[in-house]
Amino acid sequence: MDGSFECIGVTRVDEALSPVVLSVPHAGRDYPAVLLSALRVPPAALVVLEDRHVDRLAEGARDGQAMLVQHRARAWIDLNRGEDERDPRIDEGARPQAQGMPSAKLRSGLGLVPRRAGAAGDLWRRRFADGEIVARIVQDHRPYHAALAALLAAARARFGIAVLIDVHSMPPVGAHAQIVLGDRFGRSADARFVARLEAAATGAGIRCARNAPYAGGHILERHADPAGGVHAIQVEIDRALYLDHALDAPGPGMARMTAVLRAMIAAVEGEALAAVATPGRALAAE
């Protein structure tokens, strides 16, 4: 790769300068006109689906790590859902009989193309044709996942290990936690990497939880392969930590949270390099 490139709705892909790869799939603010024309609610209602400005947070925290950012809005297509998570209530191409038991997210209206957005309720005035959804899959979903797979493969080839940090943000969840680390209940990453993320955050006075209420979605399920040296962790960050009181624009906490996320990334990177330098380290018991 030549350092970075841009494709439809996606920027930035860099060389493997670190075993850590960053993914930001839900911060997109690009709303195509054809999408807006199908809305039955004000466009502002879609903002609740965004991981608002978490791309700016991740970019500030990034220090040589490869990073992939989706610019298309999540309302257009959700990269953290599988291609088969199509909602028959809004998607004429959905084949419920081929899906098996629908996921909880799909049942709640948060499938490959979201049907609902918080208190706004149902979003669309019409169902989308099969060809419309297939075009979104081909133009946005598949390129993102192909690029992410390539980045992880490059990091794994260069360093002997790769760790994906899938960066998201969440609404405030009260006293429960300010950061939620998801590893699909231990299936997507060695516990040492989660522990390093947690220690860096709690060391900065931030409350953490694991896998509740977010354990990680399709991105972790698709790309994680701990036995093959590819680990993946979802990081959900309370928007109140870095946005203003309206949870809309970058706020006074942005600089502090950028530094915290940078420290978390550095901690995982150090652990990954140590694991390669000391065979068996990453798999040793805590």
C-alpha atoms as a PDB file:
ATOM      1  CA  MET A   1       0.000   0.000   0.000  1.00  0.00           C
ATOM      2  CA  ASP A   2       1.153   3.552  -0.640  1.00  0.00           C
ATOM      3  CA  GLY A   3       0.366   4.904   2.847  1.00  0.00           C
ATOM      4  CA  SER A   4      -3.315   5.684   2.440  1.00  0.00           C
ATOM      5  CA  PHE A   5      -6.108   5.537  -0.098  1.00  0.00           C
ATOM      6  CA  GLU A   6      -9.768   6.410  -0.373  1.00  0.00           C
ATOM      7  CA  CYS A   7     -12.615   4.307  -1.723  1.00  0.00           C
ATOM      8  CA  ILE A   8     -16.368   4.729  -1.764  1.00  0.00           C
ATOM      9  CA  GLY A   9     -17.414   5.998   1.627  1.00  0.00           C
ATOM     10  CA  VAL A  10     -14.215   4.833   3.320  1.00  0.00           C
ATOM     11  CA  THR A  11     -10.921   6.463   4.176  1.00  0.00           C
ATOM     12  CA  ARG A  12      -7.908   5.785   5.531  1.00  0.00           C
ATOM     13  CA  VAL A  13      -5.842   2.741   5.094  1.00  0.00           C
ATOM     14  CA  ASP A  14      -2.160   2.825   6.036  1.00  0.00           C
ATOM     15  CA  GLU A  15       0.758   0.451   6.007  1.00  0.00           C
ATOM     16  CA  ALA A  16       1.239  -2.004   8.855  1.00  0.00           C
ATOM     17  CA  LEU A  17       3.444   0.083  11.144  1.00  0.00           C
ATOM     18  CA  SER A  18       1.946  -1.530  14.246  1.00  0.00           C
ATOM     19  CA  PRO A  19       0.315  -4.845  15.151  1.00  0.00           C
ATOM     20  CA  VAL A  20      -2.741  -2.805  16.196  1.00  0.00           C
ATOM     21  CA  VAL A  21      -5.397  -1.937  13.617  1.00  0.00           C
ATOM     22  CA  LEU A  22      -8.185   0.550  14.341  1.00  0.00           C
ATOM     23  CA  SER A  23     -11.680   0.316  12.848  1.00  0.00           C
ATOM     24  CA  VAL A  24     -14.348   3.049  13.102  1.00  0.00           C
ATOM     25  CA  PRO A  25     -17.494   1.727  11.370  1.00  0.00           C
ATOM     26  CA  HIS A  26     -20.316   3.829  12.862  1.00  0.00           C
ATOM     27  CA  ALA A  27     -19.142   7.465  12.863  1.00  0.00           C
ATOM     28  CA  GLY A  28     -20.160   8.226   9.268  1.00  0.00           C
ATOM     29  CA  ARG A  29     -21.982  11.494   8.602  1.00  0.00           C
ATOM     30  CA  ASP A  30     -22.485  11.088   4.845  1.00  0.00           C
ATOM     31  CA  TYR A  31     -26.219  10.817   4.122  1.00  0.00           C
ATOM     32  CA  PRO A  32     -26.889  10.204   0.395  1.00  0.00           C
ATOM     33  CA  ALA A  33     -29.791  12.169  -1.074  1.00  0.00           C
ATOM     34  CA  VAL A  34     -31.634   8.999  -2.028  1.00  0.00           C
ATOM     35  CA  LEU A  35     -31.602   7.967   1.623  1.00  0.00           C
ATOM     36  CA  LEU A  36     -32.894  11.312   2.873  1.00  0.00           C
ATOM     37  CA  SER A  37     -35.698  11.270   0.301  1.00  0.00           C
ATOM     38  CA  ALA A  38     -37.015   8.020   1.793  1.00  0.00           C
ATOM     39  CA  LEU A  39     -37.225   9.342   5.365  1.00  0.00           C
ATOM     40  CA  ARG A  40     -40.485   9.706   7.220  1.00  0.00           C
ATOM     41  CA  VAL A  41     -38.794  11.496  10.131  1.00  0.00           C
ATOM     42  CA  PRO A  42     -36.569  14.610  10.227  1.00  0.00           C
ATOM     43  CA  PRO A  43     -32.956  13.930   9.177  1.00  0.00           C
ATOM     44  CA  ALA A  44     -31.814  14.944  12.665  1.00  0.00           C
ATOM     45  CA  ALA A  45     -33.473  11.773  13.993  1.00  0.00           C
ATOM     46  CA  LEU A  46     -30.730   9.705  12.354  1.00  0.00           C
ATOM     47  CA  VAL A  47     -27.993  11.213  14.519  1.00  0.00           C
ATOM     48  CA  VAL A  48     -28.839   8.812  17.336  1.00  0.00           C
ATOM     49  CA  LEU A  49     -27.489   6.015  15.132  1.00  0.00           C
ATOM     50  CA  GLU A  50     -24.090   7.703  14.823  1.00  0.00           C
ATOM     51  CA  ASP A  51     -21.120   7.073  17.055  1.00  0.00           C
ATOM     52  CA  ARG A  52     -20.943  10.850  17.131  1.00  0.00           C
ATOM     53  CA  HIS A  53     -17.451  12.179  16.297  1.00  0.00           C
ATOM     54  CA  VAL A  54     -15.706   9.076  17.613  1.00  0.00           C
ATOM     55  CA  ASP A  55     -13.717   9.122  14.366  1.00  0.00           C
ATOM     56  CA  ARG A  56     -12.135  12.402  15.492  1.00  0.00           C
ATOM     57  CA  LEU A  57     -11.313  10.829  18.829  1.00  0.00           C
ATOM     58  CA  ALA A  58      -9.714   7.791  17.193  1.00  0.00           C
ATOM     59  CA  GLU A  59      -7.774   9.893  14.703  1.00  0.00           C
ATOM     60  CA  GLY A  60      -6.359  11.986  17.534  1.00  0.00           C
ATOM     61  CA  ALA A  61      -5.407   8.880  19.509  1.00  0.00           C
ATOM     62  CA  ARG A  62      -3.849   7.098  16.560  1.00  0.00           C
ATOM     63  CA  ASP A  63      -0.049   6.981  16.599  1.00  0.00           C
ATOM     64  CA  GLY A  64       1.088   5.122  13.495  1.00  0.00           C
ATOM     65  CA  GLN A  65      -1.541   2.389  13.670  1.00  0.00           C
ATOM     66  CA  ALA A  66      -3.473   1.521  10.530  1.00  0.00           C
ATOM     67  CA  MET A  67      -7.025   2.862  10.710  1.00  0.00           C
ATOM     68  CA  LEU A  68     -10.150   2.338   8.631  1.00  0.00           C
ATOM     69  CA  VAL A  69     -13.034   4.825   8.910  1.00  0.00           C
ATOM     70  CA  GLN A  70     -16.473   4.539   7.308  1.00  0.00           C
ATOM     71  CA  HIS A  71     -17.898   7.841   6.044  1.00  0.00           C
ATOM     72  CA  ARG A  72     -21.286   6.599   4.905  1.00  0.00           C
ATOM     73  CA  ALA A  73     -23.832   6.921   7.692  1.00  0.00           C
ATOM     74  CA  ARG A  74     -24.886   3.857   9.638  1.00  0.00           C
ATOM     75  CA  ALA A  75     -28.470   4.596   8.514  1.00  0.00           C
ATOM     76  CA  TRP A  76     -27.311   3.772   4.967  1.00  0.00           C
ATOM     77  CA  ILE A  77     -25.775   0.429   5.917  1.00  0.00           C
ATOM     78  CA  ASP A  78     -24.453  -1.012   9.179  1.00  0.00           C
ATOM     79  CA  LEU A  79     -21.016  -2.560   8.776  1.00  0.00           C
ATOM     80  CA  ASN A  80     -21.346  -4.311  12.137  1.00  0.00           C
ATOM     81  CA  ARG A  81     -24.141  -6.532  10.827  1.00  0.00           C
ATOM     82  CA  GLY A  82     -23.839  -9.537   8.567  1.00  0.00           C
ATOM     83  CA  GLU A  83     -25.038  -9.391   4.974  1.00  0.00           C
ATOM     84  CA  ASP A  84     -27.853 -11.773   5.884  1.00  0.00           C
ATOM     85  CA  GLU A  85     -29.263  -9.534   8.644  1.00  0.00           C
ATOM     86  CA  ARG A  86     -31.794  -7.961   6.301  1.00  0.00           C
ATOM     87  CA  ASP A  87     -35.103  -6.748   7.727  1.00  0.00           C
ATOM     88  CA  PRO A  88     -38.148  -7.935   5.729  1.00  0.00           C
ATOM     89  CA  ARG A  89     -40.214  -5.036   7.047  1.00  0.00           C
ATOM     90  CA  ILE A  90     -38.159  -2.551   5.031  1.00  0.00           C
ATOM     91  CA  ASP A  91     -36.195  -4.736   2.592  1.00  0.00           C
ATOM     92  CA  GLU A  92     -37.920  -6.441  -0.335  1.00  0.00           C
ATOM     93  CA  GLY A  93     -34.906  -8.687  -0.848  1.00  0.00           C
ATOM     94  CA  ALA A  94     -34.852 -10.095   2.677  1.00  0.00           C
ATOM     95  CA  ARG A  95     -35.304 -13.858   2.841  1.00  0.00           C
ATOM     96  CA  PRO A  96     -36.437 -14.686   6.397  1.00  0.00           C
ATOM     97  CA  GLN A  97     -36.539 -18.410   5.647  1.00  0.00           C
ATOM     98  CA  ALA A  98     -32.813 -18.305   4.835  1.00  0.00           C
ATOM     99  CA  GLN A  99     -31.842 -16.334   7.940  1.00  0.00           C
ATOM    100  CA  GLY A 100     -32.758 -18.852  10.589  1.00  0.00           C
ATOM    101  CA  MET A 101     -33.461 -17.286  13.958  1.00  0.00           C
ATOM    102  CA  PRO A 102     -33.152 -13.471  13.543  1.00  0.00           C
ATOM    103  CA  SER A 103     -30.643 -11.797  15.846  1.00  0.00           C
ATOM    104  CA  ALA A 104     -31.847  -9.651  18.730  1.00  0.00           C
ATOM    105  CA  LYS A 105     -30.521  -6.575  16.918  1.00  0.00           C
ATOM    106  CA  LEU A 106     -32.485  -7.411  13.783  1.00  0.00           C
ATOM    107  CA  ARG A 107     -35.646  -8.056  15.770  1.00  0.00           C
ATOM    108  CA  SER A 108     -35.266  -4.659  17.448  1.00  0.00           C
ATOM    109  CA  GLY A 109     -34.968  -2.865  14.112  1.00  0.00           C
ATOM    110  CA  LEU A 110     -31.175  -2.574  13.985  1.00  0.00           C
ATOM    111  CA  GLY A 111     -30.357  -4.841  11.089  1.00  0.00           C
ATOM    112  CA  LEU A 112     -28.095  -4.371   8.088  1.00  0.00           C
ATOM    113  CA  VAL A 113     -30.173  -1.302   7.224  1.00  0.00           C
ATOM    114  CA  PRO A 114     -31.657   0.105  10.436  1.00  0.00           C
ATOM    115  CA  ARG A 115     -35.457   0.312  10.543  1.00  0.00           C
ATOM    116  CA  ARG A 116     -35.701   2.301  13.766  1.00  0.00           C
ATOM    117  CA  ALA A 117     -33.692   4.959  15.580  1.00  0.00           C
ATOM    118  CA  GLY A 118     -34.325   5.436  19.280  1.00  0.00           C
ATOM    119  CA  ALA A 119     -37.456   7.360  20.207  1.00  0.00           C
ATOM    120  CA  ALA A 120     -37.971   8.419  16.570  1.00  0.00           C
ATOM    121  CA  GLY A 121     -39.471   5.037  15.781  1.00  0.00           C
ATOM    122  CA  ASP A 122     -39.755   3.755  12.220  1.00  0.00           C
ATOM    123  CA  LEU A 123     -37.533   5.686   9.818  1.00  0.00           C
ATOM    124  CA  TRP A 124     -38.648   4.954   6.270  1.00  0.00           C
ATOM    125  CA  ARG A 125     -41.656   5.858   4.124  1.00  0.00           C
ATOM    126  CA  ARG A 126     -41.161   2.852   1.878  1.00  0.00           C
ATOM    127  CA  ARG A 127     -39.494  -0.510   1.575  1.00  0.00           C
ATOM    128  CA  PHE A 128     -36.215  -0.673  -0.293  1.00  0.00           C
ATOM    129  CA  ALA A 129     -35.876  -2.806  -3.417  1.00  0.00           C
ATOM    130  CA  ASP A 130     -33.537  -5.774  -3.331  1.00  0.00           C
ATOM    131  CA  GLY A 131     -31.247  -4.074  -5.852  1.00  0.00           C
ATOM    132  CA  GLU A 132     -30.905  -0.989  -3.657  1.00  0.00           C
ATOM    133  CA  ILE A 133     -29.695  -3.004  -0.689  1.00  0.00           C
ATOM    134  CA  VAL A 134     -27.437  -5.205  -2.795  1.00  0.00           C
ATOM    135  CA  ALA A 135     -25.819  -2.068  -4.224  1.00  0.00           C
ATOM    136  CA  ARG A 136     -25.063  -0.817  -0.705  1.00  0.00           C
ATOM    137  CA  ILE A 137     -23.573  -4.183   0.194  1.00  0.00           C
ATOM    138  CA  VAL A 138     -21.379  -4.230  -2.913  1.00  0.00           C
ATOM    139  CA  GLN A 139     -20.317  -0.568  -2.748  1.00  0.00           C
ATOM    140  CA  ASP A 140     -19.843  -0.135   1.011  1.00  0.00           C
ATOM    141  CA  HIS A 141     -20.121  -3.265   3.141  1.00  0.00           C
ATOM    142  CA  ARG A 142     -17.868  -5.620   1.229  1.00  0.00           C
ATOM    143  CA  PRO A 143     -15.103  -3.072   0.463  1.00  0.00           C
ATOM    144  CA  TYR A 144     -14.857  -2.126   4.139  1.00  0.00           C
ATOM    145  CA  HIS A 145     -14.533  -5.705   5.292  1.00  0.00           C
ATOM    146  CA  ALA A 146     -12.113  -6.577   2.496  1.00  0.00           C
ATOM    147  CA  ALA A 147      -9.913  -3.606   3.401  1.00  0.00           C
ATOM    148  CA  LEU A 148     -10.048  -4.487   7.096  1.00  0.00           C
ATOM    149  CA  ALA A 149      -9.127  -8.105   6.398  1.00  0.00           C
ATOM    150  CA  ALA A 150      -6.177  -6.922   4.298  1.00  0.00           C
ATOM    151  CA  LEU A 151      -4.943  -4.615   7.048  1.00  0.00           C
ATOM    152  CA  LEU A 152      -5.114  -7.359   9.644  1.00  0.00           C
ATOM    153  CA  ALA A 153      -3.375  -9.808   7.338  1.00  0.00           C
ATOM    154  CA  ALA A 154      -0.599  -7.279   6.690  1.00  0.00           C
ATOM    155  CA  ALA A 155      -0.117  -6.640  10.406  1.00  0.00           C
ATOM    156  CA  ARG A 156      -0.128 -10.361  11.146  1.00  0.00           C
ATOM    157  CA  ALA A 157       2.435 -10.989   8.402  1.00  0.00           C
ATOM    158  CA  ARG A 158       4.759  -8.240   9.601  1.00  0.00           C
ATOM    159  CA  PHE A 159       4.527  -8.671  13.370  1.00  0.00           C
ATOM    160  CA  GLY A 160       3.376 -12.251  13.809  1.00  0.00           C
ATOM    161  CA  ILE A 161       0.210 -11.000  15.516  1.00  0.00           C
ATOM    162  CA  ALA A 162      -2.585  -8.491  14.879  1.00  0.00           C
ATOM    163  CA  VAL A 163      -5.007  -6.855  17.310  1.00  0.00           C
ATOM    164  CA  LEU A 164      -8.113  -5.120  16.002  1.00  0.00           C
ATOM    165  CA  ILE A 165      -9.580  -2.365  18.158  1.00  0.00           C
ATOM    166  CA  ASP A 166     -13.085  -1.656  16.868  1.00  0.00           C
ATOM    167  CA  VAL A 167     -13.907   1.842  18.144  1.00  0.00           C
ATOM    168  CA  HIS A 168     -17.506   2.805  18.964  1.00  0.00           C
ATOM    169  CA  SER A 169     -19.325   5.204  21.255  1.00  0.00           C
ATOM    170  CA  MET A 170     -22.394   4.715  23.402  1.00  0.00           C
ATOM    171  CA  PRO A 171     -24.960   6.866  25.164  1.00  0.00           C
ATOM    172  CA  PRO A 172     -24.330   7.346  28.894  1.00  0.00           C
ATOM    173  CA  VAL A 173     -25.363   4.228  30.823  1.00  0.00           C
ATOM    174  CA  GLY A 174     -25.286   5.692  34.312  1.00  0.00           C
ATOM    175  CA  ALA A 175     -23.038   4.297  37.014  1.00  0.00           C
ATOM    176  CA  HIS A 176     -22.565   0.995  35.182  1.00  0.00           C
ATOM    177  CA  ALA A 177     -19.549   1.914  33.057  1.00  0.00           C
ATOM    178  CA  GLN A 178     -17.991   4.646  30.958  1.00  0.00           C
ATOM    179  CA  ILE A 179     -16.157   2.225  28.681  1.00  0.00           C
ATOM    180  CA  VAL A 180     -17.379  -1.235  27.722  1.00  0.00           C
ATOM    181  CA  LEU A 181     -14.850  -3.709  26.335  1.00  0.00           C
ATOM    182  CA  GLY A 182     -16.346  -6.465  24.208  1.00  0.00           C
ATOM    183  CA  ASP A 183     -14.534  -9.661  23.287  1.00  0.00           C
ATOM    184  CA  ARG A 184     -17.585 -11.837  22.606  1.00  0.00           C
ATOM    185  CA  PHE A 185     -17.183 -13.329  26.079  1.00  0.00           C
ATOM    186  CA  GLY A 186     -13.591 -14.369  25.513  1.00  0.00           C
ATOM    187  CA  ARG A 187     -13.999 -15.755  22.006  1.00  0.00           C
ATOM    188  CA  SER A 188     -12.490 -12.924  19.949  1.00  0.00           C
ATOM    189  CA  ALA A 189      -9.312 -12.022  21.861  1.00  0.00           C
ATOM    190  CA  ASP A 190      -6.884 -13.305  24.439  1.00  0.00           C
ATOM    191  CA  ALA A 191      -7.761 -11.968  27.881  1.00  0.00           C
ATOM    192  CA  ARG A 192      -4.393 -10.217  28.222  1.00  0.00           C
ATOM    193  CA  PHE A 193      -5.303  -7.662  25.573  1.00  0.00           C
ATOM    194  CA  VAL A 194      -8.615  -6.858  27.213  1.00  0.00           C
ATOM    195  CA  ALA A 195      -6.843  -6.559  30.561  1.00  0.00           C
ATOM    196  CA  ARG A 196      -4.359  -4.054  29.139  1.00  0.00           C
ATOM    197  CA  LEU A 197      -7.141  -1.908  27.725  1.00  0.00           C
ATOM    198  CA  GLU A 198      -9.000  -2.048  31.027  1.00  0.00           C
ATOM    199  CA  ALA A 199      -5.923  -1.202  33.116  1.00  0.00           C
ATOM    200  CA  ALA A 200      -5.093   1.826  30.971  1.00  0.00           C
ATOM    201  CA  ALA A 201      -8.646   3.146  31.257  1.00  0.00           C
ATOM    202  CA  THR A 202      -9.150   2.492  34.955  1.00  0.00           C
ATOM    203  CA  GLY A 203      -5.734   3.992  35.635  1.00  0.00           C
ATOM    204  CA  ALA A 204      -7.150   7.227  34.219  1.00  0.00           C
ATOM    205  CA  GLY A 205     -10.145   7.020  36.556  1.00  0.00           C
ATOM    206  CA  ILE A 206     -12.618   5.650  33.997  1.00  0.00           C
ATOM    207  CA  ARG A 207     -15.066   2.914  34.967  1.00  0.00           C
ATOM    208  CA  CYS A 208     -14.978  -0.147  32.724  1.00  0.00           C
ATOM    209  CA  ALA A 209     -17.150  -3.181  32.109  1.00  0.00           C
ATOM    210  CA  ARG A 210     -16.716  -6.251  29.954  1.00  0.00           C
ATOM    211  CA  ASN A 211     -19.279  -7.525  27.444  1.00  0.00           C
ATOM    212  CA  ALA A 212     -22.287  -5.841  29.045  1.00  0.00           C
ATOM    213  CA  PRO A 213     -24.230  -4.291  27.524  1.00  0.00           C
ATOM    214  CA  TYR A 214     -22.034  -4.627  24.404  1.00  0.00           C
ATOM    215  CA  ALA A 215     -20.088  -7.806  23.633  1.00  0.00           C
ATOM    216  CA  GLY A 216     -19.123  -7.027  20.034  1.00  0.00           C
ATOM    217  CA  GLY A 217     -20.900  -7.696  16.766  1.00  0.00           C
ATOM    218  CA  HIS A 218     -20.295  -8.883  13.225  1.00  0.00           C
ATOM    219  CA  ILE A 219     -16.908  -7.187  12.848  1.00  0.00           C
ATOM    220  CA  LEU A 220     -15.427  -9.168  15.727  1.00  0.00           C
ATOM    221  CA  GLU A 221     -17.219 -12.344  14.700  1.00  0.00           C
ATOM    222  CA  ARG A 222     -15.944 -12.056  11.138  1.00  0.00           C
ATOM    223  CA  HIS A 223     -12.359 -10.923  11.637  1.00  0.00           C
ATOM    224  CA  ALA A 224     -11.218 -12.381  14.950  1.00  0.00           C
ATOM    225  CA  ASP A 225      -9.110 -15.527  14.837  1.00  0.00           C
ATOM    226  CA  PRO A 226      -7.159 -15.736  18.102  1.00  0.00           C
ATOM    227  CA  ALA A 227      -5.791 -19.184  17.279  1.00  0.00           C
ATOM    228  CA  GLY A 228      -4.445 -17.729  14.030  1.00  0.00           C
ATOM    229  CA  GLY A 229      -2.925 -14.702  15.708  1.00  0.00           C
ATOM    230  CA  VAL A 230      -5.679 -12.169  15.006  1.00  0.00           C
ATOM    231  CA  HIS A 231      -7.394 -10.786  18.108  1.00  0.00           C
ATOM    232  CA  ALA A 232     -10.314  -8.330  18.069  1.00  0.00           C
ATOM    233  CA  ILE A 233     -11.876  -6.171  20.782  1.00  0.00           C
ATOM    234  CA  GLN A 234     -14.772  -3.733  20.598  1.00  0.00           C
ATOM    235  CA  VAL A 235     -14.339  -0.531  22.622  1.00  0.00           C
ATOM    236  CA  GLU A 236     -17.512   1.415  23.458  1.00  0.00           C
ATOM    237  CA  ILE A 237     -16.844   4.898  24.862  1.00  0.00           C
ATOM    238  CA  ASP A 238     -19.412   6.989  26.724  1.00  0.00           C
ATOM    239  CA  ARG A 239     -20.100  10.043  24.555  1.00  0.00           C
ATOM    240  CA  ALA A 240     -20.282  12.248  27.632  1.00  0.00           C
ATOM    241  CA  LEU A 241     -16.535  11.702  28.052  1.00  0.00           C
ATOM    242  CA  TYR A 242     -15.654  13.651  24.915  1.00  0.00           C
ATOM    243  CA  LEU A 243     -18.741  15.488  23.599  1.00  0.00           C
ATOM    244  CA  ASP A 244     -20.526  18.598  24.841  1.00  0.00           C
ATOM    245  CA  HIS A 245     -23.582  18.557  27.123  1.00  0.00           C
ATOM    246  CA  ALA A 246     -25.867  18.078  24.124  1.00  0.00           C
ATOM    247  CA  LEU A 247     -23.784  15.048  23.043  1.00  0.00           C
ATOM    248  CA  ASP A 248     -23.513  16.661  19.629  1.00  0.00           C
ATOM    249  CA  ALA A 249     -20.160  18.425  19.186  1.00  0.00           C
ATOM    250  CA  PRO A 250     -16.660  17.804  20.555  1.00  0.00           C
ATOM    251  CA  GLY A 251     -16.569  19.016  24.136  1.00  0.00           C
ATOM    252  CA  PRO A 252     -14.052  19.913  26.824  1.00  0.00           C
ATOM    253  CA  GLY A 253     -13.288  16.255  27.505  1.00  0.00           C
ATOM    254  CA  MET A 254     -12.063  15.539  23.984  1.00  0.00           C
ATOM    255  CA  ALA A 255      -8.371  16.178  24.716  1.00  0.00           C
ATOM    256  CA  ARG A 256      -8.377  14.062  27.890  1.00  0.00           C
ATOM    257  CA  MET A 257     -10.237  11.173  26.271  1.00  0.00           C
ATOM    258  CA  THR A 258      -7.939  11.289  23.257  1.00  0.00           C
ATOM    259  CA  ALA A 259      -4.984  10.852  25.588  1.00  0.00           C
ATOM    260  CA  VAL A 260      -6.715   7.994  27.407  1.00  0.00           C
ATOM    261  CA  LEU A 261      -7.526   6.170  24.187  1.00  0.00           C
ATOM    262  CA  ARG A 262      -3.952   6.702  22.980  1.00  0.00           C
ATOM    263  CA  ALA A 263      -2.692   5.117  26.202  1.00  0.00           C
ATOM    264  CA  MET A 264      -5.079   2.188  25.767  1.00  0.00           C
ATOM    265  CA  ILE A 265      -3.876   1.603  22.207  1.00  0.00           C
ATOM    266  CA  ALA A 266      -0.235   1.839  23.292  1.00  0.00           C
ATOM    267  CA  ALA A 267      -0.824  -0.670  26.079  1.00  0.00           C
ATOM    268  CA  VAL A 268      -2.282  -3.225  23.670  1.00  0.00           C
ATOM    269  CA  GLU A 269       0.481  -2.595  21.162  1.00  0.00           C
ATOM    270  CA  GLY A 270       3.113  -3.175  23.821  1.00  0.00           C
ATOM    271  CA  GLU A 271       1.441  -6.390  24.933  1.00  0.00           C
ATOM    272  CA  ALA A 272       1.195  -7.638  21.346  1.00  0.00           C
ATOM    273  CA  LEU A 273       4.895  -7.001  20.673  1.00  0.00           C
ATOM    274  CA  ALA A 274       5.841  -8.623  23.983  1.00  0.00           C
ATOM    275  CA  ALA A 275       3.690 -11.646  23.162  1.00  0.00           C
ATOM    276  CA  VAL A 276       5.631 -12.173  19.934  1.00  0.00           C
ATOM    277  CA  ALA A 277       8.975 -11.598  21.602  1.00  0.00           C
ATOM    278  CA  THR A 278       8.119 -14.064  24.384  1.00  0.00           C
ATOM    279  CA  PRO A 279       6.408 -17.119  22.880  1.00  0.00           C
ATOM    280  CA  GLY A 280       3.431 -18.273  24.929  1.00  0.00           C
ATOM    281  CA  ARG A 281       3.085 -14.942  26.777  1.00  0.00           C
ATOM    282  CA  ALA A 282      -0.266 -13.998  25.222  1.00  0.00           C
ATOM    283  CA  LEU A 283      -1.726 -17.370  26.124  1.00  0.00           C
ATOM    284  CA  ALA A 284      -0.425 -17.526  29.656  1.00  0.00           C
ATOM    285  CA  ALA A 285      -2.888 -17.359  32.532  1.00  0.00           C
ATOM    286  CA  GLU A 286      -3.455 -13.984  34.140  1.00  0.00           C
END
